[in-house]
Amino acid sequence: MDRNGLTDKLVAKLNADWGAYQLKESTPEAELFSQSLKESVSLFQGVGQSGNPYTILMVEEVTLHHELVNYSNAPEMVNSIKPALEQLSDANETLKLVQDHDAYEKAARTYSSKRKQGGLPLDAFREFIKSHTARLTNRLKATSSVPEKNILRQRKDNLKVANQKYMAMQRQALGMEQGQGLER
């Protein structure tokens, strides 16, 4: 048994902190913020519904720049966002390249079989999607509100849509039939 009563004090303090947090979350400002985040989720849903990889990447780039400004005092976030922006730039270049079927077909031949999945190259676009999805998944593990997590989930869904559309573009550029080159 705890002789100093530290355990009881800690439990009481944690309960008091949780109560204060709940009060903070029910202020008019917090409720306005929560409502605003719900509207943001709807906008992100619209981006995903567009099914346009260009739009999805553009919105992700704007969001990352916004996060870079807002999290500039958190080195862990900056060290994650900066590489994401570099990868996103490479992904944009690859998205342009896949439009030129001849050039993309030549580039695709340079990928070893280890760098292909279902016959499709794991190029800069798909690497960005994979890495950035992992980043967003890691952020979902952090403490944040439900609407904040819903935004992260929607961004992940948007990346999935972009990846599916991009893989269709890859198949078309490589002259594969629709059923070929599907992810396992």
N, C-alpha and C. Protein backbone atom coordinates (compact mmCIF):
# COMPACT_ATOMS: atom_id res chain seq x y z
N MET A 1 0.84 -1.19 0.00
CA MET A 1 0.00 0.00 0.00
C MET A 1 0.88 1.24 0.00
N ASP A 2 0.43 2.29 -0.64
CA ASP A 2 1.16 3.55 -0.74
C ASP A 2 1.06 4.31 0.58
N ARG A 3 2.20 4.47 1.26
CA ARG A 3 2.20 5.11 2.58
C ARG A 3 2.00 6.61 2.52
N ASN A 4 2.44 7.23 1.45
CA ASN A 4 2.36 8.69 1.34
C ASN A 4 1.05 9.17 0.72
N GLY A 5 0.24 8.27 0.27
CA GLY A 5 -1.00 8.65 -0.38
C GLY A 5 -0.80 9.19 -1.79
N LEU A 6 0.38 8.93 -2.37
CA LEU A 6 0.67 9.45 -3.71
C LEU A 6 -0.28 8.89 -4.76
N THR A 7 -0.61 7.62 -4.64
CA THR A 7 -1.52 7.01 -5.61
C THR A 7 -2.88 7.69 -5.56
N ASP A 8 -3.39 7.90 -4.36
CA ASP A 8 -4.69 8.57 -4.22
C ASP A 8 -4.63 9.99 -4.76
N LYS A 9 -3.52 10.69 -4.46
CA LYS A 9 -3.36 12.07 -4.95
C LYS A 9 -3.29 12.09 -6.48
N LEU A 10 -2.57 11.12 -7.04
CA LEU A 10 -2.44 11.06 -8.49
C LEU A 10 -3.79 10.79 -9.14
N VAL A 11 -4.56 9.85 -8.62
CA VAL A 11 -5.88 9.54 -9.17
C VAL A 11 -6.78 10.76 -9.07
N ALA A 12 -6.76 11.44 -7.93
CA ALA A 12 -7.58 12.65 -7.76
C ALA A 12 -7.16 13.73 -8.75
N LYS A 13 -5.85 13.88 -8.94
CA LYS A 13 -5.34 14.90 -9.87
C LYS A 13 -5.74 14.56 -11.31
N LEU A 14 -5.60 13.30 -11.69
CA LEU A 14 -6.00 12.89 -13.04
C LEU A 14 -7.49 13.14 -13.27
N ASN A 15 -8.31 12.82 -12.29
CA ASN A 15 -9.75 13.08 -12.40
C ASN A 15 -10.03 14.57 -12.53
N ALA A 16 -9.33 15.39 -11.76
CA ALA A 16 -9.52 16.84 -11.84
C ALA A 16 -9.08 17.36 -13.20
N ASP A 17 -7.95 16.86 -13.69
CA ASP A 17 -7.46 17.28 -15.01
C ASP A 17 -8.46 16.90 -16.10
N TRP A 18 -9.01 15.69 -16.02
CA TRP A 18 -9.98 15.24 -17.01
C TRP A 18 -11.23 16.12 -16.96
N GLY A 19 -11.67 16.46 -15.77
CA GLY A 19 -12.83 17.34 -15.62
C GLY A 19 -12.57 18.71 -16.23
N ALA A 20 -11.36 19.24 -15.99
CA ALA A 20 -11.00 20.54 -16.57
C ALA A 20 -10.95 20.45 -18.09
N TYR A 21 -10.44 19.34 -18.61
CA TYR A 21 -10.39 19.14 -20.05
C TYR A 21 -11.80 19.12 -20.63
N GLN A 22 -12.70 18.41 -19.97
CA GLN A 22 -14.09 18.34 -20.44
C GLN A 22 -14.73 19.72 -20.45
N LEU A 23 -14.46 20.52 -19.42
CA LEU A 23 -14.99 21.89 -19.39
C LEU A 23 -14.43 22.71 -20.54
N LYS A 24 -13.13 22.56 -20.78
CA LYS A 24 -12.49 23.30 -21.87
C LYS A 24 -13.11 22.93 -23.21
N GLU A 25 -13.43 21.67 -23.38
CA GLU A 25 -14.00 21.20 -24.65
C GLU A 25 -15.44 21.65 -24.86
N SER A 26 -16.10 22.11 -23.81
CA SER A 26 -17.50 22.52 -23.96
C SER A 26 -17.66 24.03 -24.00
N THR A 27 -16.57 24.77 -24.11
CA THR A 27 -16.69 26.22 -24.23
C THR A 27 -17.26 26.56 -25.60
N PRO A 28 -17.86 27.73 -25.75
CA PRO A 28 -18.38 28.12 -27.07
C PRO A 28 -17.29 28.11 -28.14
N GLU A 29 -16.08 28.52 -27.77
CA GLU A 29 -14.98 28.54 -28.74
C GLU A 29 -14.62 27.12 -29.19
N ALA A 30 -14.59 26.19 -28.23
CA ALA A 30 -14.27 24.81 -28.57
C ALA A 30 -15.35 24.19 -29.45
N GLU A 31 -16.60 24.52 -29.16
CA GLU A 31 -17.70 23.99 -29.98
C GLU A 31 -17.66 24.58 -31.39
N LEU A 32 -17.31 25.86 -31.50
CA LEU A 32 -17.17 26.49 -32.81
C LEU A 32 -16.04 25.83 -33.60
N PHE A 33 -14.92 25.59 -32.91
CA PHE A 33 -13.78 24.92 -33.54
C PHE A 33 -14.17 23.53 -34.02
N SER A 34 -14.88 22.79 -33.20
CA SER A 34 -15.32 21.45 -33.56
C SER A 34 -16.23 21.48 -34.79
N GLN A 35 -17.15 22.43 -34.82
CA GLN A 35 -18.05 22.57 -35.96
C GLN A 35 -17.27 22.93 -37.23
N SER A 36 -16.29 23.80 -37.08
CA SER A 36 -15.47 24.20 -38.21
C SER A 36 -14.70 23.00 -38.77
N LEU A 37 -14.19 22.16 -37.87
CA LEU A 37 -13.47 20.96 -38.32
C LEU A 37 -14.40 20.01 -39.07
N LYS A 38 -15.65 19.92 -38.64
CA LYS A 38 -16.62 19.06 -39.35
C LYS A 38 -16.84 19.58 -40.77
N GLU A 39 -16.88 20.90 -40.92
CA GLU A 39 -17.02 21.48 -42.26
C GLU A 39 -15.78 21.18 -43.10
N SER A 40 -14.62 21.20 -42.46
CA SER A 40 -13.38 20.85 -43.17
C SER A 40 -13.41 19.41 -43.65
N VAL A 41 -13.93 18.51 -42.82
CA VAL A 41 -14.06 17.10 -43.22
C VAL A 41 -14.90 17.01 -44.49
N SER A 42 -16.00 17.76 -44.54
CA SER A 42 -16.87 17.75 -45.72
C SER A 42 -16.12 18.22 -46.96
N LEU A 43 -15.30 19.25 -46.80
CA LEU A 43 -14.52 19.74 -47.94
C LEU A 43 -13.51 18.69 -48.40
N PHE A 44 -12.85 18.04 -47.46
CA PHE A 44 -11.91 16.97 -47.82
C PHE A 44 -12.65 15.81 -48.49
N GLN A 45 -13.88 15.52 -48.05
CA GLN A 45 -14.67 14.47 -48.70
C GLN A 45 -14.94 14.84 -50.15
N GLY A 46 -15.25 16.10 -50.40
CA GLY A 46 -15.48 16.56 -51.77
C GLY A 46 -14.25 16.38 -52.64
N VAL A 47 -13.09 16.63 -52.07
CA VAL A 47 -11.84 16.44 -52.80
C VAL A 47 -11.69 14.97 -53.19
N GLY A 48 -11.95 14.08 -52.25
CA GLY A 48 -11.85 12.65 -52.53
C GLY A 48 -12.86 12.20 -53.56
N GLN A 49 -14.07 12.75 -53.48
CA GLN A 49 -15.12 12.37 -54.43
C GLN A 49 -14.81 12.85 -55.84
N SER A 50 -13.96 13.86 -55.96
CA SER A 50 -13.58 14.32 -57.30
C SER A 50 -12.83 13.21 -58.04
N GLY A 51 -12.13 12.36 -57.27
CA GLY A 51 -11.39 11.26 -57.89
C GLY A 51 -10.22 11.72 -58.73
N ASN A 52 -9.82 12.96 -58.59
CA ASN A 52 -8.76 13.53 -59.42
C ASN A 52 -7.44 13.52 -58.65
N PRO A 53 -6.47 12.70 -59.09
CA PRO A 53 -5.20 12.65 -58.37
C PRO A 53 -4.49 14.00 -58.30
N TYR A 54 -4.62 14.82 -59.35
CA TYR A 54 -3.99 16.15 -59.34
C TYR A 54 -4.57 17.00 -58.22
N THR A 55 -5.89 17.00 -58.12
CA THR A 55 -6.56 17.79 -57.08
C THR A 55 -6.20 17.28 -55.70
N ILE A 56 -6.20 15.97 -55.54
CA ILE A 56 -5.89 15.38 -54.24
C ILE A 56 -4.47 15.76 -53.81
N LEU A 57 -3.51 15.66 -54.73
CA LEU A 57 -2.13 16.05 -54.39
C LEU A 57 -2.02 17.54 -54.10
N MET A 58 -2.72 18.36 -54.87
CA MET A 58 -2.67 19.80 -54.65
C MET A 58 -3.20 20.16 -53.27
N VAL A 59 -4.32 19.57 -52.89
CA VAL A 59 -4.91 19.84 -51.58
C VAL A 59 -3.99 19.33 -50.47
N GLU A 60 -3.37 18.20 -50.70
CA GLU A 60 -2.44 17.65 -49.70
C GLU A 60 -1.23 18.57 -49.56
N GLU A 61 -0.77 19.13 -50.66
CA GLU A 61 0.37 20.06 -50.61
C GLU A 61 0.00 21.33 -49.82
N VAL A 62 -1.16 21.88 -50.10
CA VAL A 62 -1.62 23.07 -49.37
C VAL A 62 -1.75 22.75 -47.88
N THR A 63 -2.30 21.58 -47.58
CA THR A 63 -2.47 21.18 -46.18
C THR A 63 -1.13 21.00 -45.49
N LEU A 64 -0.17 20.39 -46.18
CA LEU A 64 1.16 20.20 -45.58
C LEU A 64 1.85 21.54 -45.33
N HIS A 65 1.72 22.48 -46.27
CA HIS A 65 2.32 23.81 -46.05
C HIS A 65 1.66 24.49 -44.86
N HIS A 66 0.36 24.34 -44.75
CA HIS A 66 -0.38 24.91 -43.61
C HIS A 66 0.11 24.28 -42.30
N GLU A 67 0.28 22.97 -42.30
CA GLU A 67 0.77 22.29 -41.10
C GLU A 67 2.20 22.70 -40.77
N LEU A 68 3.01 22.92 -41.79
CA LEU A 68 4.39 23.34 -41.56
C LEU A 68 4.44 24.67 -40.81
N VAL A 69 3.55 25.58 -41.18
CA VAL A 69 3.47 26.87 -40.49
C VAL A 69 2.95 26.68 -39.06
N ASN A 70 1.90 25.90 -38.91
CA ASN A 70 1.28 25.73 -37.59
C ASN A 70 2.11 24.91 -36.62
N TYR A 71 2.91 24.00 -37.13
CA TYR A 71 3.71 23.14 -36.26
C TYR A 71 5.20 23.51 -36.31
N SER A 72 5.51 24.73 -36.70
CA SER A 72 6.91 25.12 -36.88
C SER A 72 7.73 25.03 -35.60
N ASN A 73 7.07 25.05 -34.44
CA ASN A 73 7.82 24.94 -33.19
C ASN A 73 7.93 23.49 -32.70
N ALA A 74 7.46 22.54 -33.48
CA ALA A 74 7.55 21.12 -33.12
C ALA A 74 8.51 20.42 -34.08
N PRO A 75 9.77 20.25 -33.68
CA PRO A 75 10.76 19.68 -34.60
C PRO A 75 10.36 18.32 -35.16
N GLU A 76 9.66 17.51 -34.37
CA GLU A 76 9.25 16.19 -34.86
C GLU A 76 8.30 16.32 -36.05
N MET A 77 7.40 17.29 -35.97
CA MET A 77 6.45 17.49 -37.07
C MET A 77 7.17 18.06 -38.30
N VAL A 78 8.02 19.05 -38.07
CA VAL A 78 8.75 19.66 -39.18
C VAL A 78 9.60 18.60 -39.89
N ASN A 79 10.24 17.73 -39.11
CA ASN A 79 11.08 16.68 -39.69
C ASN A 79 10.27 15.62 -40.42
N SER A 80 8.98 15.60 -40.24
CA SER A 80 8.10 14.70 -40.99
C SER A 80 7.50 15.41 -42.20
N ILE A 81 7.13 16.68 -42.02
CA ILE A 81 6.44 17.42 -43.07
C ILE A 81 7.38 17.76 -44.23
N LYS A 82 8.60 18.18 -43.92
CA LYS A 82 9.53 18.57 -45.00
C LYS A 82 9.81 17.42 -45.97
N PRO A 83 10.13 16.22 -45.48
CA PRO A 83 10.30 15.11 -46.43
C PRO A 83 9.02 14.78 -47.19
N ALA A 84 7.88 14.94 -46.53
CA ALA A 84 6.60 14.69 -47.21
C ALA A 84 6.44 15.65 -48.38
N LEU A 85 6.79 16.91 -48.19
CA LEU A 85 6.69 17.89 -49.27
C LEU A 85 7.65 17.56 -50.41
N GLU A 86 8.85 17.08 -50.07
CA GLU A 86 9.80 16.68 -51.12
C GLU A 86 9.26 15.49 -51.90
N GLN A 87 8.74 14.50 -51.19
CA GLN A 87 8.16 13.33 -51.86
C GLN A 87 6.96 13.72 -52.71
N LEU A 88 6.17 14.66 -52.22
CA LEU A 88 5.00 15.11 -52.96
C LEU A 88 5.42 15.78 -54.26
N SER A 89 6.49 16.54 -54.22
CA SER A 89 7.01 17.17 -55.43
C SER A 89 7.41 16.11 -56.45
N ASP A 90 8.10 15.08 -55.98
CA ASP A 90 8.47 13.97 -56.87
C ASP A 90 7.23 13.27 -57.42
N ALA A 91 6.23 13.10 -56.58
CA ALA A 91 4.99 12.44 -57.00
C ALA A 91 4.30 13.25 -58.10
N ASN A 92 4.32 14.57 -57.97
CA ASN A 92 3.72 15.42 -59.00
C ASN A 92 4.44 15.25 -60.33
N GLU A 93 5.76 15.14 -60.29
CA GLU A 93 6.52 14.94 -61.53
C GLU A 93 6.17 13.60 -62.17
N THR A 94 6.04 12.58 -61.34
CA THR A 94 5.69 11.25 -61.85
C THR A 94 4.28 11.25 -62.42
N LEU A 95 3.39 12.00 -61.79
CA LEU A 95 2.01 12.10 -62.29
C LEU A 95 1.98 12.73 -63.68
N LYS A 96 2.87 13.69 -63.91
CA LYS A 96 2.97 14.28 -65.25
C LYS A 96 3.55 13.27 -66.23
N LEU A 97 4.57 12.53 -65.78
CA LEU A 97 5.25 11.57 -66.65
C LEU A 97 4.32 10.46 -67.12
N VAL A 98 3.44 9.99 -66.25
CA VAL A 98 2.57 8.87 -66.62
C VAL A 98 1.63 9.26 -67.76
N GLN A 99 1.44 10.54 -68.01
CA GLN A 99 0.60 10.99 -69.12
C GLN A 99 1.27 10.75 -70.47
N ASP A 100 2.61 10.73 -70.49
CA ASP A 100 3.37 10.46 -71.71
C ASP A 100 3.67 8.96 -71.73
N HIS A 101 2.82 8.22 -72.42
CA HIS A 101 2.89 6.76 -72.37
C HIS A 101 4.25 6.22 -72.80
N ASP A 102 4.83 6.77 -73.86
CA ASP A 102 6.13 6.28 -74.33
C ASP A 102 7.21 6.51 -73.29
N ALA A 103 7.26 7.71 -72.76
CA ALA A 103 8.28 8.04 -71.76
C ALA A 103 8.09 7.20 -70.50
N TYR A 104 6.83 7.02 -70.10
CA TYR A 104 6.58 6.25 -68.88
C TYR A 104 6.93 4.78 -69.08
N GLU A 105 6.62 4.27 -70.25
CA GLU A 105 6.94 2.86 -70.53
C GLU A 105 8.45 2.64 -70.48
N LYS A 106 9.22 3.59 -71.03
CA LYS A 106 10.68 3.48 -70.97
C LYS A 106 11.17 3.57 -69.52
N ALA A 107 10.61 4.49 -68.77
CA ALA A 107 11.01 4.63 -67.37
C ALA A 107 10.64 3.39 -66.57
N ALA A 108 9.50 2.81 -66.86
CA ALA A 108 9.03 1.64 -66.12
C ALA A 108 9.95 0.44 -66.32
N ARG A 109 10.59 0.38 -67.47
CA ARG A 109 11.51 -0.73 -67.74
C ARG A 109 12.74 -0.68 -66.83
N THR A 110 13.04 0.47 -66.29
CA THR A 110 14.23 0.59 -65.43
C THR A 110 13.99 0.07 -64.01
N TYR A 111 12.75 -0.23 -63.67
CA TYR A 111 12.44 -0.73 -62.33
C TYR A 111 12.69 -2.23 -62.26
N SER A 112 13.41 -2.66 -61.23
CA SER A 112 13.62 -4.09 -61.05
C SER A 112 12.30 -4.72 -60.60
N SER A 113 12.23 -6.03 -60.71
CA SER A 113 10.99 -6.71 -60.32
C SER A 113 10.70 -6.51 -58.83
N LYS A 114 11.75 -6.26 -58.05
CA LYS A 114 11.55 -6.01 -56.62
C LYS A 114 10.87 -4.67 -56.37
N ARG A 115 10.95 -3.76 -57.32
CA ARG A 115 10.36 -2.43 -57.19
C ARG A 115 9.05 -2.33 -57.96
N LYS A 116 8.44 -3.48 -58.18
CA LYS A 116 7.14 -3.52 -58.84
C LYS A 116 6.17 -4.28 -57.96
N GLN A 117 4.92 -3.91 -58.10
CA GLN A 117 3.87 -4.60 -57.36
C GLN A 117 2.75 -4.87 -58.35
N GLY A 118 2.45 -6.14 -58.54
CA GLY A 118 1.43 -6.49 -59.52
C GLY A 118 1.80 -6.05 -60.92
N GLY A 119 3.11 -6.00 -61.21
CA GLY A 119 3.58 -5.59 -62.52
C GLY A 119 3.67 -4.09 -62.72
N LEU A 120 3.25 -3.32 -61.73
CA LEU A 120 3.29 -1.85 -61.83
C LEU A 120 4.44 -1.30 -60.99
N PRO A 121 5.21 -0.36 -61.55
CA PRO A 121 6.33 0.21 -60.81
C PRO A 121 5.88 0.91 -59.52
N LEU A 122 6.66 0.70 -58.47
CA LEU A 122 6.47 1.46 -57.23
C LEU A 122 7.29 2.74 -57.38
N ASP A 123 6.74 3.65 -58.16
CA ASP A 123 7.45 4.89 -58.49
C ASP A 123 7.23 5.95 -57.42
N ALA A 124 7.67 7.17 -57.70
CA ALA A 124 7.61 8.25 -56.71
C ALA A 124 6.18 8.54 -56.26
N PHE A 125 5.22 8.44 -57.16
CA PHE A 125 3.83 8.70 -56.78
C PHE A 125 3.37 7.69 -55.74
N ARG A 126 3.56 6.43 -56.06
CA ARG A 126 3.09 5.37 -55.15
C ARG A 126 3.89 5.33 -53.86
N GLU A 127 5.17 5.68 -53.93
CA GLU A 127 5.98 5.76 -52.71
C GLU A 127 5.48 6.89 -51.81
N PHE A 128 5.11 8.03 -52.42
CA PHE A 128 4.57 9.13 -51.62
C PHE A 128 3.28 8.69 -50.93
N ILE A 129 2.40 8.06 -51.68
CA ILE A 129 1.12 7.61 -51.11
C ILE A 129 1.37 6.68 -49.93
N LYS A 130 2.27 5.74 -50.13
CA LYS A 130 2.57 4.77 -49.07
C LYS A 130 3.16 5.47 -47.84
N SER A 131 4.15 6.31 -48.03
CA SER A 131 4.81 7.00 -46.92
C SER A 131 3.87 7.97 -46.22
N HIS A 132 3.12 8.71 -47.00
CA HIS A 132 2.25 9.73 -46.41
C HIS A 132 1.07 9.09 -45.68
N THR A 133 0.59 7.98 -46.20
CA THR A 133 -0.46 7.25 -45.49
C THR A 133 0.06 6.78 -44.13
N ALA A 134 1.30 6.32 -44.10
CA ALA A 134 1.91 5.90 -42.83
C ALA A 134 2.04 7.09 -41.87
N ARG A 135 2.42 8.26 -42.41
CA ARG A 135 2.52 9.46 -41.56
C ARG A 135 1.17 9.80 -40.94
N LEU A 136 0.14 9.78 -41.77
CA LEU A 136 -1.20 10.11 -41.26
C LEU A 136 -1.67 9.07 -40.25
N THR A 137 -1.35 7.80 -40.49
CA THR A 137 -1.72 6.75 -39.55
C THR A 137 -1.03 6.98 -38.21
N ASN A 138 0.23 7.37 -38.24
CA ASN A 138 0.94 7.66 -36.99
C ASN A 138 0.32 8.84 -36.26
N ARG A 139 -0.11 9.84 -37.00
CA ARG A 139 -0.75 11.00 -36.36
C ARG A 139 -2.09 10.63 -35.75
N LEU A 140 -2.76 9.64 -36.32
CA LEU A 140 -4.03 9.18 -35.75
C LEU A 140 -3.84 8.56 -34.37
N LYS A 141 -2.64 8.11 -34.09
CA LYS A 141 -2.36 7.49 -32.78
C LYS A 141 -2.19 8.54 -31.69
N ALA A 142 -1.97 9.78 -32.08
CA ALA A 142 -1.75 10.85 -31.10
C ALA A 142 -3.09 11.31 -30.53
N THR A 143 -3.01 12.00 -29.41
CA THR A 143 -4.21 12.54 -28.78
C THR A 143 -4.72 13.72 -29.60
N SER A 144 -5.95 13.63 -30.04
CA SER A 144 -6.61 14.74 -30.72
C SER A 144 -8.11 14.48 -30.69
N SER A 145 -8.86 15.49 -31.09
CA SER A 145 -10.32 15.38 -31.04
C SER A 145 -10.82 14.47 -32.16
N VAL A 146 -12.05 14.03 -32.01
CA VAL A 146 -12.66 13.17 -33.03
C VAL A 146 -12.71 13.88 -34.39
N PRO A 147 -13.14 15.16 -34.46
CA PRO A 147 -13.14 15.82 -35.77
C PRO A 147 -11.74 15.94 -36.38
N GLU A 148 -10.72 16.17 -35.54
CA GLU A 148 -9.35 16.24 -36.06
C GLU A 148 -8.94 14.88 -36.64
N LYS A 149 -9.29 13.82 -35.95
CA LYS A 149 -8.97 12.48 -36.45
C LYS A 149 -9.76 12.16 -37.71
N ASN A 150 -10.99 12.66 -37.79
CA ASN A 150 -11.79 12.43 -39.00
C ASN A 150 -11.16 13.09 -40.22
N ILE A 151 -10.55 14.25 -40.02
CA ILE A 151 -9.84 14.90 -41.12
C ILE A 151 -8.68 14.02 -41.57
N LEU A 152 -7.91 13.51 -40.63
CA LEU A 152 -6.79 12.63 -40.98
C LEU A 152 -7.28 11.38 -41.70
N ARG A 153 -8.37 10.80 -41.22
CA ARG A 153 -8.94 9.60 -41.88
C ARG A 153 -9.38 9.92 -43.31
N GLN A 154 -10.01 11.08 -43.48
CA GLN A 154 -10.47 11.45 -44.82
C GLN A 154 -9.28 11.70 -45.75
N ARG A 155 -8.24 12.30 -45.23
CA ARG A 155 -7.04 12.50 -46.05
C ARG A 155 -6.47 11.16 -46.49
N LYS A 156 -6.46 10.18 -45.58
CA LYS A 156 -5.99 8.84 -45.95
C LYS A 156 -6.89 8.24 -47.02
N ASP A 157 -8.20 8.40 -46.88
CA ASP A 157 -9.13 7.89 -47.89
C ASP A 157 -8.87 8.56 -49.24
N ASN A 158 -8.60 9.86 -49.22
CA ASN A 158 -8.32 10.58 -50.46
C ASN A 158 -7.06 10.03 -51.13
N LEU A 159 -6.04 9.73 -50.33
CA LEU A 159 -4.81 9.17 -50.89
C LEU A 159 -5.07 7.80 -51.51
N LYS A 160 -5.95 7.04 -50.90
CA LYS A 160 -6.31 5.73 -51.45
C LYS A 160 -6.98 5.89 -52.82
N VAL A 161 -7.89 6.86 -52.92
CA VAL A 161 -8.56 7.14 -54.19
C VAL A 161 -7.53 7.56 -55.24
N ALA A 162 -6.63 8.47 -54.86
CA ALA A 162 -5.60 8.93 -55.79
C ALA A 162 -4.73 7.77 -56.26
N ASN A 163 -4.39 6.88 -55.35
CA ASN A 163 -3.55 5.74 -55.70
C ASN A 163 -4.27 4.81 -56.68
N GLN A 164 -5.55 4.56 -56.44
CA GLN A 164 -6.31 3.69 -57.35
C GLN A 164 -6.39 4.31 -58.75
N LYS A 165 -6.67 5.61 -58.80
CA LYS A 165 -6.74 6.29 -60.11
C LYS A 165 -5.38 6.27 -60.79
N TYR A 166 -4.34 6.49 -60.00
CA TYR A 166 -2.99 6.52 -60.57
C TYR A 166 -2.61 5.14 -61.11
N MET A 167 -2.95 4.09 -60.39
CA MET A 167 -2.64 2.75 -60.87
C MET A 167 -3.36 2.46 -62.19
N ALA A 168 -4.57 2.98 -62.34
CA ALA A 168 -5.28 2.84 -63.61
C ALA A 168 -4.52 3.59 -64.71
N MET A 169 -3.98 4.76 -64.36
CA MET A 169 -3.19 5.53 -65.32
C MET A 169 -1.91 4.76 -65.69
N GLN A 170 -1.29 4.12 -64.70
CA GLN A 170 -0.09 3.31 -64.97
C GLN A 170 -0.42 2.18 -65.93
N ARG A 171 -1.51 1.46 -65.64
CA ARG A 171 -1.91 0.34 -66.51
C ARG A 171 -2.14 0.83 -67.94
N GLN A 172 -2.79 1.98 -68.06
CA GLN A 172 -3.05 2.53 -69.39
C GLN A 172 -1.74 2.90 -70.08
N ALA A 173 -0.84 3.55 -69.36
CA ALA A 173 0.44 3.97 -69.94
C ALA A 173 1.28 2.78 -70.37
N LEU A 174 1.16 1.67 -69.65
CA LEU A 174 1.96 0.49 -69.94
C LEU A 174 1.24 -0.49 -70.87
N GLY A 175 0.04 -0.10 -71.32
CA GLY A 175 -0.72 -0.94 -72.24
C GLY A 175 -1.25 -2.21 -71.60
N MET A 176 -1.47 -2.17 -70.31
CA MET A 176 -2.02 -3.33 -69.61
C MET A 176 -3.53 -3.28 -69.66
N GLU A 177 -4.14 -4.45 -69.61
CA GLU A 177 -5.59 -4.48 -69.55
C GLU A 177 -6.04 -4.08 -68.16
N GLN A 178 -7.28 -3.72 -68.03
CA GLN A 178 -7.82 -3.22 -66.76
C GLN A 178 -7.56 -4.16 -65.60
N GLY A 179 -7.68 -5.46 -65.79
CA GLY A 179 -7.51 -6.41 -64.70
C GLY A 179 -6.06 -6.69 -64.36
N GLN A 180 -5.14 -6.31 -65.24
CA GLN A 180 -3.73 -6.57 -65.00
C GLN A 180 -3.14 -5.54 -64.04
N GLY A 181 -2.14 -5.98 -63.32
CA GLY A 181 -1.40 -5.06 -62.48
C GLY A 181 -2.16 -4.60 -61.26
N LEU A 182 -3.13 -5.38 -60.82
CA LEU A 182 -3.87 -5.00 -59.62
C LEU A 182 -3.07 -5.37 -58.39
N GLU A 183 -3.23 -4.57 -57.34
CA GLU A 183 -2.53 -4.85 -56.08
C GLU A 183 -3.03 -6.16 -55.51
N ARG A 184 -2.13 -6.83 -54.87
CA ARG A 184 -2.50 -8.09 -54.22
C ARG A 184 -3.12 -7.81 -52.90
